[in-house]
Amino acid sequence: MTATKPQVYTGTGSAIDNYNDPKKQLQNIVNGTKEVNWGLFDMKNSKHRRIQSDLRQANIVVKNNRHGEVADMLGWFNRFLKSDKSPVKKPLKQMTSKELSKIIKALDGVVIWKHSI
């Protein structure tokens, strides 16, 4: 058995409500009441990795405690896939290889545009 050190709660509201928030978020995801993230990716798919690379090159990143900075798949990319500017309006995991190529070509344009600013 390992000894644990007590931690002082510094948030707002009830500490118990704050502790239970992740459980509520997980229930929303499991029950399907939360909006689906179209940016979910498969790390084994080389085209998905290429998309992440393009997002990092365009500096479309978010902070991550474990990995420093990662491509913003949940925020910017999720919104991009749902927008009128996306060549394919579909969740990433449901796209065919041809559709993924269209997304990559569009993101290549974003990278070029970001570097020209």
Protein backbone atom coordinates (compact mmCIF):
# COMPACT_ATOMS: atom_id res chain seq x y z
CA MET A 1 0.00 0.00 0.00
CA THR A 2 1.36 3.41 -0.89
CA ALA A 3 0.94 6.46 1.25
CA THR A 4 -0.93 9.37 -0.28
CA LYS A 5 -0.46 13.01 0.56
CA PRO A 6 -3.52 15.19 1.09
CA GLN A 7 -4.03 17.95 -1.46
CA VAL A 8 -5.65 21.30 -0.81
CA TYR A 9 -8.54 22.08 -3.17
CA THR A 10 -8.01 25.45 -4.88
CA GLY A 11 -10.87 25.43 -7.43
CA THR A 12 -14.22 27.20 -7.30
CA GLY A 13 -17.43 25.65 -6.04
CA SER A 14 -17.65 22.26 -4.42
CA ALA A 15 -14.57 20.03 -4.42
CA ILE A 16 -16.80 16.97 -4.78
CA ASP A 17 -18.58 18.41 -7.84
CA ASN A 18 -15.22 19.25 -9.38
CA TYR A 19 -13.98 15.70 -8.68
CA ASN A 20 -17.07 14.18 -10.32
CA ASP A 21 -16.93 16.38 -13.46
CA PRO A 22 -14.73 13.99 -15.48
CA LYS A 23 -17.13 11.16 -14.67
CA LYS A 24 -20.05 13.25 -15.99
CA GLN A 25 -18.09 14.05 -19.16
CA LEU A 26 -17.36 10.36 -19.66
CA GLN A 27 -21.04 9.50 -19.20
CA ASN A 28 -21.97 12.11 -21.81
CA ILE A 29 -19.50 10.58 -24.27
CA VAL A 30 -20.70 7.02 -23.59
CA ASN A 31 -24.37 7.97 -23.78
CA GLY A 32 -23.80 9.92 -26.98
CA THR A 33 -25.20 13.20 -25.66
CA LYS A 34 -21.98 15.03 -26.48
CA GLU A 35 -21.20 16.13 -30.02
CA VAL A 36 -19.05 13.69 -32.01
CA ASN A 37 -15.43 14.70 -32.64
CA TRP A 38 -14.79 14.41 -36.37
CA GLY A 39 -11.05 14.82 -35.78
CA LEU A 40 -10.51 11.44 -34.09
CA PHE A 41 -7.66 9.70 -35.85
CA ASP A 42 -5.93 6.34 -36.18
CA MET A 43 -2.21 6.54 -35.39
CA LYS A 44 -1.56 3.46 -37.56
CA ASN A 45 -2.93 5.20 -40.66
CA SER A 46 -0.14 7.04 -42.51
CA LYS A 47 -2.56 9.59 -44.04
CA HIS A 48 -3.90 10.46 -40.58
CA ARG A 49 -0.31 11.01 -39.41
CA ARG A 50 0.31 13.21 -42.46
CA ILE A 51 -2.72 15.33 -41.50
CA GLN A 52 -1.31 15.76 -37.99
CA SER A 53 2.04 16.75 -39.50
CA ASP A 54 0.38 19.39 -41.68
CA LEU A 55 -1.46 20.82 -38.67
CA ARG A 56 1.79 21.05 -36.70
CA GLN A 57 3.56 22.71 -39.66
CA ALA A 58 0.74 25.26 -39.85
CA ASN A 59 1.16 25.84 -36.09
CA ILE A 60 -2.39 24.65 -35.39
CA VAL A 61 -1.49 23.09 -32.05
CA VAL A 62 -2.66 22.91 -28.45
CA LYS A 63 -0.70 22.39 -25.25
CA ASN A 64 -0.52 18.86 -23.90
CA ASN A 65 0.87 17.85 -20.50
CA ARG A 66 2.36 14.61 -21.77
CA HIS A 67 3.62 15.54 -25.24
CA GLY A 68 4.16 19.31 -25.06
CA GLU A 69 2.28 20.48 -28.15
CA VAL A 70 0.02 18.33 -30.32
CA ALA A 71 -2.06 18.97 -33.42
CA ASP A 72 -5.44 20.51 -32.57
CA MET A 73 -7.62 17.62 -33.75
CA LEU A 74 -10.46 18.29 -31.30
CA GLY A 75 -10.75 22.03 -31.85
CA TRP A 76 -9.65 23.58 -35.13
CA PHE A 77 -9.56 20.43 -37.27
CA ASN A 78 -12.92 19.19 -35.97
CA ARG A 79 -14.50 22.55 -36.88
CA PHE A 80 -12.71 22.60 -40.25
CA LEU A 81 -14.14 19.20 -41.26
CA LYS A 82 -17.66 20.43 -40.44
CA SER A 83 -17.23 23.78 -42.24
CA ASP A 84 -18.02 24.78 -45.83
CA LYS A 85 -14.27 25.09 -46.52
CA SER A 86 -13.67 21.37 -46.05
CA PRO A 87 -13.56 19.39 -49.32
CA VAL A 88 -15.09 16.37 -47.53
CA LYS A 89 -17.73 16.75 -44.80
CA LYS A 90 -17.28 13.50 -42.93
CA PRO A 91 -15.58 12.27 -39.74
CA LEU A 92 -11.92 11.47 -40.34
CA LYS A 93 -12.22 7.77 -39.47
CA GLN A 94 -15.04 7.27 -41.99
CA MET A 95 -13.13 8.74 -44.95
CA THR A 96 -11.78 6.69 -47.83
CA SER A 97 -8.20 6.99 -49.02
CA LYS A 98 -9.26 9.28 -51.87
CA GLU A 99 -11.17 11.57 -49.48
CA LEU A 100 -8.17 11.69 -47.12
CA SER A 101 -6.02 12.81 -50.06
CA LYS A 102 -8.41 15.72 -50.66
CA ILE A 103 -8.13 16.78 -47.00
CA ILE A 104 -4.32 16.54 -47.17
CA LYS A 105 -4.24 18.71 -50.30
CA ALA A 106 -6.43 21.32 -48.57
CA LEU A 107 -4.19 21.29 -45.47
CA ASP A 108 -1.10 21.64 -47.66
CA GLY A 109 -2.68 24.88 -48.89
CA VAL A 110 -3.23 25.98 -45.29
CA VAL A 111 0.44 25.29 -44.48
CA ILE A 112 1.60 27.33 -47.47
CA TRP A 113 -0.78 30.16 -46.55
CA LYS A 114 0.36 30.19 -42.90
CA HIS A 115 4.03 30.37 -43.94
CA SER A 116 3.34 33.24 -46.31
CA ILE A 117 1.88 35.50 -43.61
